[in-house]
PDB file of N, CA and C in Angstrom:
ATOM      1  N   MET A   1      12.263  20.472 -10.934  1.00  0.00           N
ATOM      2  CA  MET A   1      13.677  20.211 -11.175  1.00  0.00           C
ATOM      3  C   MET A   1      13.921  18.709 -11.101  1.00  0.00           C
ATOM      4  N   ASP A   2      14.798  18.230 -11.955  1.00  0.00           N
ATOM      5  CA  ASP A   2      15.126  16.805 -11.960  1.00  0.00           C
ATOM      6  C   ASP A   2      15.900  16.435 -10.706  1.00  0.00           C
ATOM      7  N   GLU A   3      15.660  15.231 -10.224  1.00  0.00           N
ATOM      8  CA  GLU A   3      16.400  14.732  -9.070  1.00  0.00           C
ATOM      9  C   GLU A   3      17.777  14.284  -9.527  1.00  0.00           C
ATOM     10  N   VAL A   4      18.771  14.602  -8.752  1.00  0.00           N
ATOM     11  CA  VAL A   4      20.144  14.242  -9.098  1.00  0.00           C
ATOM     12  C   VAL A   4      20.508  12.965  -8.376  1.00  0.00           C
ATOM     13  N   GLY A   5      21.000  11.983  -9.126  1.00  0.00           N
ATOM     14  CA  GLY A   5      21.393  10.708  -8.548  1.00  0.00           C
ATOM     15  C   GLY A   5      22.834  10.766  -8.060  1.00  0.00           C
ATOM     16  N   PRO A   6      23.361   9.628  -7.634  1.00  0.00           N
ATOM     17  CA  PRO A   6      24.745   9.597  -7.168  1.00  0.00           C
ATOM     18  C   PRO A   6      25.713   9.941  -8.300  1.00  0.00           C
ATOM     19  N   VAL A   7      26.785  10.571  -7.958  1.00  0.00           N
ATOM     20  CA  VAL A   7      27.782  10.975  -8.946  1.00  0.00           C
ATOM     21  C   VAL A   7      28.615   9.757  -9.318  1.00  0.00           C
ATOM     22  N   CYS A   8      28.762   9.558 -10.594  1.00  0.00           N
ATOM     23  CA  CYS A   8      29.576   8.456 -11.092  1.00  0.00           C
ATOM     24  C   CYS A   8      31.040   8.867 -11.020  1.00  0.00           C
ATOM     25  N   LEU A   9      31.914   7.952 -10.639  1.00  0.00           N
ATOM     26  CA  LEU A   9      33.342   8.253 -10.545  1.00  0.00           C
ATOM     27  C   LEU A   9      33.910   8.690 -11.893  1.00  0.00           C
ATOM     28  N   TRP A  10      33.298   8.234 -12.975  1.00  0.00           N
ATOM     29  CA  TRP A  10      33.738   8.628 -14.307  1.00  0.00           C
ATOM     30  C   TRP A  10      33.599  10.138 -14.473  1.00  0.00           C
ATOM     31  N   GLU A  11      32.492  10.686 -13.945  1.00  0.00           N
ATOM     32  CA  GLU A  11      32.248  12.118 -14.063  1.00  0.00           C
ATOM     33  C   GLU A  11      33.317  12.904 -13.305  1.00  0.00           C
ATOM     34  N   LEU A  12      33.915  12.302 -12.316  1.00  0.00           N
ATOM     35  CA  LEU A  12      34.973  12.965 -11.556  1.00  0.00           C
ATOM     36  C   LEU A  12      36.356  12.668 -12.139  1.00  0.00           C
ATOM     37  N   GLY A  13      36.391  11.903 -13.234  1.00  0.00           N
ATOM     38  CA  GLY A  13      37.645  11.591 -13.888  1.00  0.00           C
ATOM     39  C   GLY A  13      38.459  10.521 -13.171  1.00  0.00           C
ATOM     40  N   GLN A  14      37.829   9.723 -12.320  1.00  0.00           N
ATOM     41  CA  GLN A  14      38.549   8.732 -11.544  1.00  0.00           C
ATOM     42  C   GLN A  14      38.448   7.321 -12.117  1.00  0.00           C
ATOM     43  N   VAL A  15      37.500   7.078 -13.011  1.00  0.00           N
ATOM     44  CA  VAL A  15      37.296   5.746 -13.570  1.00  0.00           C
ATOM     45  C   VAL A  15      36.997   5.911 -15.057  1.00  0.00           C
ATOM     46  N   HIS A  16      37.403   4.944 -15.862  1.00  0.00           N
ATOM     47  CA  HIS A  16      37.078   4.982 -17.284  1.00  0.00           C
ATOM     48  C   HIS A  16      35.585   4.792 -17.479  1.00  0.00           C
ATOM     49  N   PRO A  17      34.999   5.440 -18.463  1.00  0.00           N
ATOM     50  CA  PRO A  17      33.549   5.374 -18.672  1.00  0.00           C
ATOM     51  C   PRO A  17      32.958   3.968 -18.743  1.00  0.00           C
ATOM     52  N   PRO A  18      33.533   2.997 -19.463  1.00  0.00           N
ATOM     53  CA  PRO A  18      32.896   1.683 -19.541  1.00  0.00           C
ATOM     54  C   PRO A  18      32.722   1.024 -18.171  1.00  0.00           C
ATOM     55  N   ALA A  19      33.701   1.152 -17.297  1.00  0.00           N
ATOM     56  CA  ALA A  19      33.601   0.534 -15.968  1.00  0.00           C
ATOM     57  C   ALA A  19      32.479   1.180 -15.177  1.00  0.00           C
ATOM     58  N   CYS A  20      32.383   2.487 -15.269  1.00  0.00           N
ATOM     59  CA  CYS A  20      31.347   3.201 -14.539  1.00  0.00           C
ATOM     60  C   CYS A  20      29.967   2.824 -15.060  1.00  0.00           C
ATOM     61  N   LEU A  21      29.829   2.776 -16.383  1.00  0.00           N
ATOM     62  CA  LEU A  21      28.534   2.466 -16.973  1.00  0.00           C
ATOM     63  C   LEU A  21      28.091   1.051 -16.646  1.00  0.00           C
ATOM     64  N   SER A  22      29.007   0.099 -16.671  1.00  0.00           N
ATOM     65  CA  SER A  22      28.619  -1.278 -16.385  1.00  0.00           C
ATOM     66  C   SER A  22      28.210  -1.430 -14.925  1.00  0.00           C
ATOM     67  N   THR A  23      28.885  -0.717 -14.011  1.00  0.00           N
ATOM     68  CA  THR A  23      28.529  -0.768 -12.602  1.00  0.00           C
ATOM     69  C   THR A  23      27.160  -0.134 -12.389  1.00  0.00           C
ATOM     70  N   SER A  24      26.927   1.017 -13.010  1.00  0.00           N
ATOM     71  CA  SER A  24      25.635   1.688 -12.884  1.00  0.00           C
ATOM     72  C   SER A  24      24.519   0.824 -13.454  1.00  0.00           C
ATOM     73  N   ARG A  25      24.802   0.212 -14.590  1.00  0.00           N
ATOM     74  CA  ARG A  25      23.799  -0.639 -15.234  1.00  0.00           C
ATOM     75  C   ARG A  25      23.477  -1.838 -14.358  1.00  0.00           C
ATOM     76  N   ALA A  26      24.496  -2.446 -13.754  1.00  0.00           N
ATOM     77  CA  ALA A  26      24.274  -3.600 -12.883  1.00  0.00           C
ATOM     78  C   ALA A  26      23.446  -3.204 -11.667  1.00  0.00           C
ATOM     79  N   ALA A  27      23.723  -2.042 -11.102  1.00  0.00           N
ATOM     80  CA  ALA A  27      22.957  -1.571  -9.942  1.00  0.00           C
ATOM     81  C   ALA A  27      21.507  -1.315 -10.328  1.00  0.00           C
ATOM     82  N   ALA A  28      21.289  -0.692 -11.482  1.00  0.00           N
ATOM     83  CA  ALA A  28      19.925  -0.415 -11.938  1.00  0.00           C
ATOM     84  C   ALA A  28      19.173  -1.720 -12.209  1.00  0.00           C
ATOM     85  N   ASP A  29      19.846  -2.673 -12.820  1.00  0.00           N
ATOM     86  CA  ASP A  29      19.223  -3.973 -13.081  1.00  0.00           C
ATOM     87  C   ASP A  29      18.818  -4.656 -11.778  1.00  0.00           C
ATOM     88  N   ALA A  30      19.684  -4.598 -10.776  1.00  0.00           N
ATOM     89  CA  ALA A  30      19.385  -5.226  -9.486  1.00  0.00           C
ATOM     90  C   ALA A  30      18.188  -4.557  -8.837  1.00  0.00           C
ATOM     91  N   ARG A  31      18.140  -3.219  -8.883  1.00  0.00           N
ATOM     92  CA  ARG A  31      16.985  -2.505  -8.303  1.00  0.00           C
ATOM     93  C   ARG A  31      15.705  -2.877  -9.050  1.00  0.00           C
ATOM     94  N   GLY A  32      15.798  -2.991 -10.356  1.00  0.00           N
ATOM     95  CA  GLY A  32      14.625  -3.349 -11.153  1.00  0.00           C
ATOM     96  C   GLY A  32      14.117  -4.741 -10.834  1.00  0.00           C
ATOM     97  N   ARG A  33      15.043  -5.691 -10.697  1.00  0.00           N
ATOM     98  CA  ARG A  33      14.637  -7.063 -10.350  1.00  0.00           C
ATOM     99  C   ARG A  33      13.957  -7.099  -8.991  1.00  0.00           C
ATOM    100  N   ALA A  34      14.500  -6.370  -8.031  1.00  0.00           N
ATOM    101  CA  ALA A  34      13.930  -6.361  -6.676  1.00  0.00           C
ATOM    102  C   ALA A  34      12.528  -5.763  -6.700  1.00  0.00           C
ATOM    103  N   GLY A  35      12.351  -4.703  -7.466  1.00  0.00           N
ATOM    104  CA  GLY A  35      11.031  -4.080  -7.567  1.00  0.00           C
ATOM    105  C   GLY A  35      10.013  -5.021  -8.184  1.00  0.00           C
ATOM    106  N   HIS A  36      10.437  -5.748  -9.208  1.00  0.00           N
ATOM    107  CA  HIS A  36       9.537  -6.706  -9.851  1.00  0.00           C
ATOM    108  C   HIS A  36       9.194  -7.843  -8.898  1.00  0.00           C
ATOM    109  N   ARG A  37      10.180  -8.313  -8.147  1.00  0.00           N
ATOM    110  CA  ARG A  37       9.929  -9.403  -7.192  1.00  0.00           C
ATOM    111  C   ARG A  37       8.933  -8.960  -6.127  1.00  0.00           C
ATOM    112  N   SER A  38       9.105  -7.740  -5.622  1.00  0.00           N
ATOM    113  CA  SER A  38       8.219  -7.232  -4.575  1.00  0.00           C
ATOM    114  C   SER A  38       6.792  -7.078  -5.110  1.00  0.00           C
ATOM    115  N   ALA A  39       6.666  -6.558  -6.323  1.00  0.00           N
ATOM    116  CA  ALA A  39       5.343  -6.398  -6.927  1.00  0.00           C
ATOM    117  C   ALA A  39       4.688  -7.761  -7.158  1.00  0.00           C
ATOM    118  N   ALA A  40       5.478  -8.723  -7.591  1.00  0.00           N
ATOM    119  CA  ALA A  40       4.934 -10.068  -7.810  1.00  0.00           C
ATOM    120  C   ALA A  40       4.471 -10.677  -6.493  1.00  0.00           C
ATOM    121  N   ALA A  41       5.224 -10.458  -5.419  1.00  0.00           N
ATOM    122  CA  ALA A  41       4.832 -10.978  -4.103  1.00  0.00           C
ATOM    123  C   ALA A  41       3.530 -10.341  -3.654  1.00  0.00           C
ATOM    124  N   SER A  42       3.346  -9.057  -3.928  1.00  0.00           N
ATOM    125  CA  SER A  42       2.097  -8.378  -3.576  1.00  0.00           C
ATOM    126  C   SER A  42       0.928  -8.983  -4.349  1.00  0.00           C
ATOM    127  N   ASN A  43       1.147  -9.249  -5.630  1.00  0.00           N
ATOM    128  CA  ASN A  43       0.080  -9.828  -6.451  1.00  0.00           C
ATOM    129  C   ASN A  43      -0.294 -11.222  -5.983  1.00  0.00           C
ATOM    130  N   LEU A  44       0.709 -12.025  -5.627  1.00  0.00           N
ATOM    131  CA  LEU A  44       0.431 -13.397  -5.202  1.00  0.00           C
ATOM    132  C   LEU A  44      -0.304 -13.450  -3.862  1.00  0.00           C
ATOM    133  N   SER A  45       0.105 -12.596  -2.938  1.00  0.00           N
ATOM    134  CA  SER A  45      -0.491 -12.650  -1.600  1.00  0.00           C
ATOM    135  C   SER A  45      -1.787 -11.861  -1.522  1.00  0.00           C
ATOM    136  N   GLY A  46      -1.994 -10.929  -2.430  1.00  0.00           N
ATOM    137  CA  GLY A  46      -3.178 -10.091  -2.368  1.00  0.00           C
ATOM    138  C   GLY A  46      -3.018  -8.937  -1.395  1.00  0.00           C
ATOM    139  N   LEU A  47      -1.832  -8.788  -0.815  1.00  0.00           N
ATOM    140  CA  LEU A  47      -1.560  -7.708   0.127  1.00  0.00           C
ATOM    141  C   LEU A  47      -0.326  -6.940  -0.328  1.00  0.00           C
ATOM    142  N   SER A  48      -0.385  -5.627  -0.179  1.00  0.00           N
ATOM    143  CA  SER A  48       0.825  -4.849  -0.432  1.00  0.00           C
ATOM    144  C   SER A  48       1.723  -4.966   0.786  1.00  0.00           C
ATOM    145  N   LEU A  49       2.948  -4.565   0.620  1.00  0.00           N
ATOM    146  CA  LEU A  49       3.894  -4.577   1.729  1.00  0.00           C
ATOM    147  C   LEU A  49       3.375  -3.696   2.867  1.00  0.00           C
ATOM    148  N   GLN A  50       2.857  -2.523   2.529  1.00  0.00           N
ATOM    149  CA  GLN A  50       2.356  -1.609   3.552  1.00  0.00           C
ATOM    150  C   GLN A  50       1.175  -2.198   4.315  1.00  0.00           C
ATOM    151  N   GLU A  51       0.249  -2.851   3.592  1.00  0.00           N
ATOM    152  CA  GLU A  51      -0.894  -3.485   4.266  1.00  0.00           C
ATOM    153  C   GLU A  51      -0.428  -4.566   5.227  1.00  0.00           C
ATOM    154  N   ALA A  52       0.512  -5.379   4.780  1.00  0.00           N
ATOM    155  CA  ALA A  52       1.021  -6.457   5.627  1.00  0.00           C
ATOM    156  C   ALA A  52       1.682  -5.885   6.876  1.00  0.00           C
ATOM    157  N   GLN A  53       2.438  -4.805   6.718  1.00  0.00           N
ATOM    158  CA  GLN A  53       3.081  -4.180   7.869  1.00  0.00           C
ATOM    159  C   GLN A  53       2.038  -3.611   8.836  1.00  0.00           C
ATOM    160  N   GLN A  54       0.983  -3.052   8.309  1.00  0.00           N
ATOM    161  CA  GLN A  54      -0.073  -2.510   9.173  1.00  0.00           C
ATOM    162  C   GLN A  54      -0.784  -3.625   9.930  1.00  0.00           C
ATOM    163  N   ILE A  55      -1.086  -4.700   9.255  1.00  0.00           N
ATOM    164  CA  ILE A  55      -1.797  -5.812   9.901  1.00  0.00           C
ATOM    165  C   ILE A  55      -0.979  -6.368  11.060  1.00  0.00           C
ATOM    166  N   LEU A  56       0.324  -6.550  10.842  1.00  0.00           N
ATOM    167  CA  LEU A  56       1.173  -7.105  11.904  1.00  0.00           C
ATOM    168  C   LEU A  56       1.795  -6.031  12.787  1.00  0.00           C
ATOM    169  N   ASN A  57       1.461  -4.771  12.519  1.00  0.00           N
ATOM    170  CA  ASN A  57       1.926  -3.653  13.335  1.00  0.00           C
ATOM    171  C   ASN A  57       3.456  -3.623  13.448  1.00  0.00           C
ATOM    172  N   VAL A  58       4.111  -3.689  12.285  1.00  0.00           N
ATOM    173  CA  VAL A  58       5.567  -3.563  12.251  1.00  0.00           C
ATOM    174  C   VAL A  58       5.927  -2.376  11.368  1.00  0.00           C
ATOM    175  N   SER A  59       6.836  -1.551  11.854  1.00  0.00           N
ATOM    176  CA  SER A  59       7.243  -0.390  11.062  1.00  0.00           C
ATOM    177  C   SER A  59       8.506  -0.697  10.266  1.00  0.00           C
ATOM    178  N   LYS A  60       9.387  -1.497  10.854  1.00  0.00           N
ATOM    179  CA  LYS A  60      10.645  -1.860  10.204  1.00  0.00           C
ATOM    180  C   LYS A  60      10.636  -3.367   9.973  1.00  0.00           C
ATOM    181  N   LEU A  61      11.124  -3.786   8.827  1.00  0.00           N
ATOM    182  CA  LEU A  61      11.133  -5.218   8.526  1.00  0.00           C
ATOM    183  C   LEU A  61      12.241  -5.914   9.297  1.00  0.00           C
ATOM    184  N   SER A  62      11.869  -6.502  10.410  1.00  0.00           N
ATOM    185  CA  SER A  62      12.822  -7.285  11.188  1.00  0.00           C
ATOM    186  C   SER A  62      12.187  -8.648  11.426  1.00  0.00           C
ATOM    187  N   PRO A  63      12.889  -9.726  11.090  1.00  0.00           N
ATOM    188  CA  PRO A  63      12.304 -11.062  11.235  1.00  0.00           C
ATOM    189  C   PRO A  63      11.807 -11.341  12.657  1.00  0.00           C
ATOM    190  N   GLU A  64      12.532 -10.841  13.646  1.00  0.00           N
ATOM    191  CA  GLU A  64      12.141 -11.090  15.037  1.00  0.00           C
ATOM    192  C   GLU A  64      10.826 -10.394  15.379  1.00  0.00           C
ATOM    193  N   GLU A  65      10.702  -9.120  14.958  1.00  0.00           N
ATOM    194  CA  GLU A  65       9.480  -8.367  15.246  1.00  0.00           C
ATOM    195  C   GLU A  65       8.283  -8.958  14.503  1.00  0.00           C
ATOM    196  N   VAL A  66       8.495  -9.340  13.252  1.00  0.00           N
ATOM    197  CA  VAL A  66       7.427  -9.949  12.461  1.00  0.00           C
ATOM    198  C   VAL A  66       6.941 -11.226  13.154  1.00  0.00           C
ATOM    199  N   GLN A  67       7.870 -12.088  13.557  1.00  0.00           N
ATOM    200  CA  GLN A  67       7.507 -13.356  14.197  1.00  0.00           C
ATOM    201  C   GLN A  67       6.782 -13.120  15.525  1.00  0.00           C
ATOM    202  N   LYS A  68       7.304 -12.210  16.336  1.00  0.00           N
ATOM    203  CA  LYS A  68       6.706 -11.933  17.645  1.00  0.00           C
ATOM    204  C   LYS A  68       5.267 -11.429  17.497  1.00  0.00           C
ATOM    205  N   ASN A  69       5.068 -10.445  16.610  1.00  0.00           N
ATOM    206  CA  ASN A  69       3.728  -9.892  16.419  1.00  0.00           C
ATOM    207  C   ASN A  69       2.790 -10.916  15.784  1.00  0.00           C
ATOM    208  N   TYR A  70       3.314 -11.713  14.868  1.00  0.00           N
ATOM    209  CA  TYR A  70       2.509 -12.757  14.240  1.00  0.00           C
ATOM    210  C   TYR A  70       1.992 -13.742  15.295  1.00  0.00           C
ATOM    211  N   GLU A  71       2.887 -14.234  16.147  1.00  0.00           N
ATOM    212  CA  GLU A  71       2.474 -15.210  17.155  1.00  0.00           C
ATOM    213  C   GLU A  71       1.417 -14.642  18.085  1.00  0.00           C
ATOM    214  N   HIS A  72       1.607 -13.399  18.509  1.00  0.00           N
ATOM    215  CA  HIS A  72       0.632 -12.773  19.403  1.00  0.00           C
ATOM    216  C   HIS A  72      -0.731 -12.620  18.711  1.00  0.00           C
ATOM    217  N   LEU A  73      -0.732 -12.043  17.512  1.00  0.00           N
ATOM    218  CA  LEU A  73      -1.993 -11.790  16.814  1.00  0.00           C
ATOM    219  C   LEU A  73      -2.684 -13.084  16.388  1.00  0.00           C
ATOM    220  N   PHE A  74      -1.907 -14.092  16.030  1.00  0.00           N
ATOM    221  CA  PHE A  74      -2.497 -15.377  15.667  1.00  0.00           C
ATOM    222  C   PHE A  74      -3.215 -15.981  16.872  1.00  0.00           C
ATOM    223  N   LYS A  75      -2.550 -15.898  18.026  1.00  0.00           N
ATOM    224  CA  LYS A  75      -3.104 -16.478  19.246  1.00  0.00           C
ATOM    225  C   LYS A  75      -4.374 -15.747  19.697  1.00  0.00           C
ATOM    226  N   VAL A  76      -4.357 -14.424  19.712  1.00  0.00           N
ATOM    227  CA  VAL A  76      -5.531 -13.680  20.206  1.00  0.00           C
ATOM    228  C   VAL A  76      -6.699 -13.732  19.238  1.00  0.00           C
ATOM    229  N   ASN A  77      -6.456 -14.067  17.989  1.00  0.00           N
ATOM    230  CA  ASN A  77      -7.549 -14.174  17.023  1.00  0.00           C
ATOM    231  C   ASN A  77      -7.993 -15.611  16.799  1.00  0.00           C
ATOM    232  N   ASP A  78      -7.534 -16.535  17.628  1.00  0.00           N
ATOM    233  CA  ASP A  78      -7.942 -17.935  17.527  1.00  0.00           C
ATOM    234  C   ASP A  78      -9.435 -18.046  17.857  1.00  0.00           C
ATOM    235  N   LYS A  79     -10.146 -18.765  17.035  1.00  0.00           N
ATOM    236  CA  LYS A  79     -11.594 -18.906  17.201  1.00  0.00           C
ATOM    237  C   LYS A  79     -11.957 -19.538  18.546  1.00  0.00           C
ATOM    238  N   SER A  80     -11.093 -20.421  19.052  1.00  0.00           N
ATOM    239  CA  SER A  80     -11.397 -21.101  20.316  1.00  0.00           C
ATOM    240  C   SER A  80     -11.373 -20.155  21.515  1.00  0.00           C
ATOM    241  N   VAL A  81     -10.760 -18.975  21.358  1.00  0.00           N
ATOM    242  CA  VAL A  81     -10.757 -18.000  22.451  1.00  0.00           C
ATOM    243  C   VAL A  81     -11.617 -16.784  22.104  1.00  0.00           C
ATOM    244  N   GLY A  82     -12.546 -16.987  21.184  1.00  0.00           N
ATOM    245  CA  GLY A  82     -13.476 -15.920  20.823  1.00  0.00           C
ATOM    246  C   GLY A  82     -12.965 -14.996  19.731  1.00  0.00           C
ATOM    247  N   GLY A  83     -11.905 -15.391  19.073  1.00  0.00           N
ATOM    248  CA  GLY A  83     -11.348 -14.571  18.003  1.00  0.00           C
ATOM    249  C   GLY A  83     -12.052 -14.795  16.684  1.00  0.00           C
ATOM    250  N   SER A  84     -11.526 -14.206  15.673  1.00  0.00           N
ATOM    251  CA  SER A  84     -12.117 -14.255  14.337  1.00  0.00           C
ATOM    252  C   SER A  84     -11.220 -15.027  13.381  1.00  0.00           C
ATOM    253  N   PHE A  85     -11.780 -16.038  12.741  1.00  0.00           N
ATOM    254  CA  PHE A  85     -11.030 -16.809  11.756  1.00  0.00           C
ATOM    255  C   PHE A  85     -10.602 -15.915  10.599  1.00  0.00           C
ATOM    256  N   TYR A  86     -11.474 -14.976  10.220  1.00  0.00           N
ATOM    257  CA  TYR A  86     -11.159 -14.049   9.134  1.00  0.00           C
ATOM    258  C   TYR A  86      -9.919 -13.224   9.488  1.00  0.00           C
ATOM    259  N   LEU A  87      -9.901 -12.642  10.685  1.00  0.00           N
ATOM    260  CA  LEU A  87      -8.743 -11.842  11.099  1.00  0.00           C
ATOM    261  C   LEU A  87      -7.495 -12.698  11.223  1.00  0.00           C
ATOM    262  N   GLN A  88      -7.664 -13.910  11.726  1.00  0.00           N
ATOM    263  CA  GLN A  88      -6.531 -14.812  11.864  1.00  0.00           C
ATOM    264  C   GLN A  88      -5.938 -15.127  10.482  1.00  0.00           C
ATOM    265  N   SER A  89      -6.807 -15.312   9.502  1.00  0.00           N
ATOM    266  CA  SER A  89      -6.296 -15.596   8.154  1.00  0.00           C
ATOM    267  C   SER A  89      -5.592 -14.374   7.567  1.00  0.00           C
ATOM    268  N   LYS A  90      -6.058 -13.168   7.885  1.00  0.00           N
ATOM    269  CA  LYS A  90      -5.365 -11.959   7.436  1.00  0.00           C
ATOM    270  C   LYS A  90      -3.972 -11.877   8.063  1.00  0.00           C
ATOM    271  N   VAL A  91      -3.863 -12.273   9.324  1.00  0.00           N
ATOM    272  CA  VAL A  91      -2.575 -12.280  10.018  1.00  0.00           C
ATOM    273  C   VAL A  91      -1.621 -13.257   9.329  1.00  0.00           C
ATOM    274  N   VAL A  92      -2.129 -14.422   8.967  1.00  0.00           N
ATOM    275  CA  VAL A  92      -1.305 -15.425   8.283  1.00  0.00           C
ATOM    276  C   VAL A  92      -0.832 -14.883   6.928  1.00  0.00           C
ATOM    277  N   ARG A  93      -1.745 -14.294   6.158  1.00  0.00           N
ATOM    278  CA  ARG A  93      -1.377 -13.753   4.839  1.00  0.00           C
ATOM    279  C   ARG A  93      -0.365 -12.620   4.981  1.00  0.00           C
ATOM    280  N   ALA A  94      -0.536 -11.782   5.990  1.00  0.00           N
ATOM    281  CA  ALA A  94       0.407 -10.682   6.211  1.00  0.00           C
ATOM    282  C   ALA A  94       1.799 -11.234   6.524  1.00  0.00           C
ATOM    283  N   LYS A  95       1.864 -12.268   7.346  1.00  0.00           N
ATOM    284  CA  LYS A  95       3.172 -12.872   7.686  1.00  0.00           C
ATOM    285  C   LYS A  95       3.804 -13.470   6.436  1.00  0.00           C
ATOM    286  N   GLU A  96       3.023 -14.151   5.634  1.00  0.00           N
ATOM    287  CA  GLU A  96       3.557 -14.729   4.401  1.00  0.00           C
ATOM    288  C   GLU A  96       4.125 -13.634   3.495  1.00  0.00           C
ATOM    289  N   ARG A  97       3.400 -12.520   3.399  1.00  0.00           N
ATOM    290  CA  ARG A  97       3.854 -11.414   2.541  1.00  0.00           C
ATOM    291  C   ARG A  97       5.161 -10.811   3.070  1.00  0.00           C
ATOM    292  N   LEU A  98       5.230 -10.604   4.381  1.00  0.00           N
ATOM    293  CA  LEU A  98       6.441 -10.037   4.966  1.00  0.00           C
ATOM    294  C   LEU A  98       7.613 -11.012   4.891  1.00  0.00           C
ATOM    295  N   ASP A  99       7.341 -12.289   5.062  1.00  0.00           N
ATOM    296  CA  ASP A  99       8.400 -13.297   4.912  1.00  0.00           C
ATOM    297  C   ASP A  99       8.961 -13.267   3.490  1.00  0.00           C
ATOM    298  N   GLU A 100       8.081 -13.117   2.518  1.00  0.00           N
ATOM    299  CA  GLU A 100       8.515 -13.047   1.123  1.00  0.00           C
ATOM    300  C   GLU A 100       9.374 -11.800   0.900  1.00  0.00           C
ATOM    301  N   GLU A 101       8.970 -10.683   1.488  1.00  0.00           N
ATOM    302  CA  GLU A 101       9.746  -9.444   1.350  1.00  0.00           C
ATOM    303  C   GLU A 101      11.118  -9.589   2.006  1.00  0.00           C
ATOM    304  N   LEU A 102      11.169 -10.268   3.132  1.00  0.00           N
ATOM    305  CA  LEU A 102      12.452 -10.503   3.799  1.00  0.00           C
ATOM    306  C   LEU A 102      13.364 -11.359   2.918  1.00  0.00           C
ATOM    307  N   LYS A 103      12.794 -12.343   2.214  1.00  0.00           N
ATOM    308  CA  LYS A 103      13.581 -13.162   1.284  1.00  0.00           C
ATOM    309  C   LYS A 103      14.116 -12.309   0.137  1.00  0.00           C
ATOM    310  N   ILE A 104      13.265 -11.415  -0.365  1.00  0.00           N
ATOM    311  CA  ILE A 104      13.674 -10.536  -1.468  1.00  0.00           C
ATOM    312  C   ILE A 104      14.821  -9.642  -1.018  1.00  0.00           C
ATOM    313  N   GLN A 105      14.708  -9.094   0.182  1.00  0.00           N
ATOM    314  CA  GLN A 105      15.771  -8.230   0.693  1.00  0.00           C
ATOM    315  C   GLN A 105      17.070  -9.014   0.902  1.00  0.00           C
ATOM    316  N   ALA A 106      16.962 -10.232   1.384  1.00  0.00           N
ATOM    317  CA  ALA A 106      18.162 -11.060   1.566  1.00  0.00           C
ATOM    318  C   ALA A 106      18.807 -11.338   0.212  1.00  0.00           C
ATOM    319  N   GLN A 107      18.004 -11.608  -0.803  1.00  0.00           N
ATOM    320  CA  GLN A 107      18.516 -11.844  -2.157  1.00  0.00           C
ATOM    321  C   GLN A 107      19.215 -10.590  -2.682  1.00  0.00           C
ATOM    322  N   GLU A 108      18.601  -9.419  -2.462  1.00  0.00           N
ATOM    323  CA  GLU A 108      19.209  -8.150  -2.879  1.00  0.00           C
ATOM    324  C   GLU A 108      20.567  -7.972  -2.220  1.00  0.00           C
ATOM    325  N   ASP A 109      20.627  -8.250  -0.920  1.00  0.00           N
ATOM    326  CA  ASP A 109      21.878  -8.098  -0.183  1.00  0.00           C
ATOM    327  C   ASP A 109      22.957  -9.022  -0.743  1.00  0.00           C
ATOM    328  N   ARG A 110      22.577 -10.268  -1.088  1.00  0.00           N
ATOM    329  CA  ARG A 110      23.533 -11.193  -1.678  1.00  0.00           C
ATOM    330  C   ARG A 110      24.022 -10.679  -3.033  1.00  0.00           C
ATOM    331  N   GLU A 111      23.093 -10.133  -3.831  1.00  0.00           N
ATOM    332  CA  GLU A 111      23.465  -9.620  -5.147  1.00  0.00           C
ATOM    333  C   GLU A 111      24.364  -8.394  -5.029  1.00  0.00           C
ATOM    334  N   LYS A 112      24.109  -7.558  -4.037  1.00  0.00           N
ATOM    335  CA  LYS A 112      24.956  -6.382  -3.826  1.00  0.00           C
ATOM    336  C   LYS A 112      26.369  -6.811  -3.478  1.00  0.00           C
ATOM    337  N   GLY A 113      26.480  -7.874  -2.702  1.00  0.00           N
ATOM    338  CA  GLY A 113      27.794  -8.380  -2.314  1.00  0.00           C
ATOM    339  C   GLY A 113      28.571  -8.948  -3.476  1.00  0.00           C
ATOM    340  N   GLN A 114      27.871  -9.325  -4.549  1.00  0.00           N
ATOM    341  CA  GLN A 114      28.528  -9.911  -5.721  1.00  0.00           C
ATOM    342  C   GLN A 114      28.855  -8.881  -6.777  1.00  0.00           C
ATOM    343  N   MET A 115      28.378  -7.626  -6.606  1.00  0.00           N
ATOM    344  CA  MET A 115      28.642  -6.594  -7.603  1.00  0.00           C
ATOM    345  C   MET A 115      30.124  -6.246  -7.589  1.00  0.00           C
ATOM    346  N   PRO A 116      30.697  -6.021  -8.766  1.00  0.00           N
ATOM    347  CA  PRO A 116      32.133  -5.681  -8.838  1.00  0.00           C
ATOM    348  C   PRO A 116      32.391  -4.314  -8.231  1.00  0.00           C
ATOM    349  N   HIS A 117      33.483  -4.193  -7.500  1.00  0.00           N
ATOM    350  CA  HIS A 117      33.890  -2.918  -6.922  1.00  0.00           C
ATOM    351  C   HIS A 117      34.890  -2.257  -7.859  1.00  0.00           C
ATOM    352  N   THR A 118      34.736  -0.945  -8.088  1.00  0.00           N
ATOM    353  CA  THR A 118      35.671  -0.256  -8.977  1.00  0.00           C
ATOM    354  C   THR A 118      36.438   0.787  -8.214  1.00  0.00           C
TER     355      THR A 118
END
């Protein structure tokens, strides 16, 4: 069975069709741009969002949690304390990937705030 999306106000007879369609189109365009940005960030960093979250052991994207886990893992993997440079570099790449995702989400939030309300 097909998945049913949100009901457009036009379908309920509350808004004229052009207004509803332009709002829906703008929302779809914004989602598409965000998806492309996230995929591009994965390609550039060489890590998917999920891999980066696993490396830094974060389940929810929160800048504070990302920073805290990054600092801890960077420190314990320092070569001078018997750590691994390879693992330390993975931690750095994971943080870069998550930072990029946080920027994308902030951009999405700004774009959502600029969408016209009907």
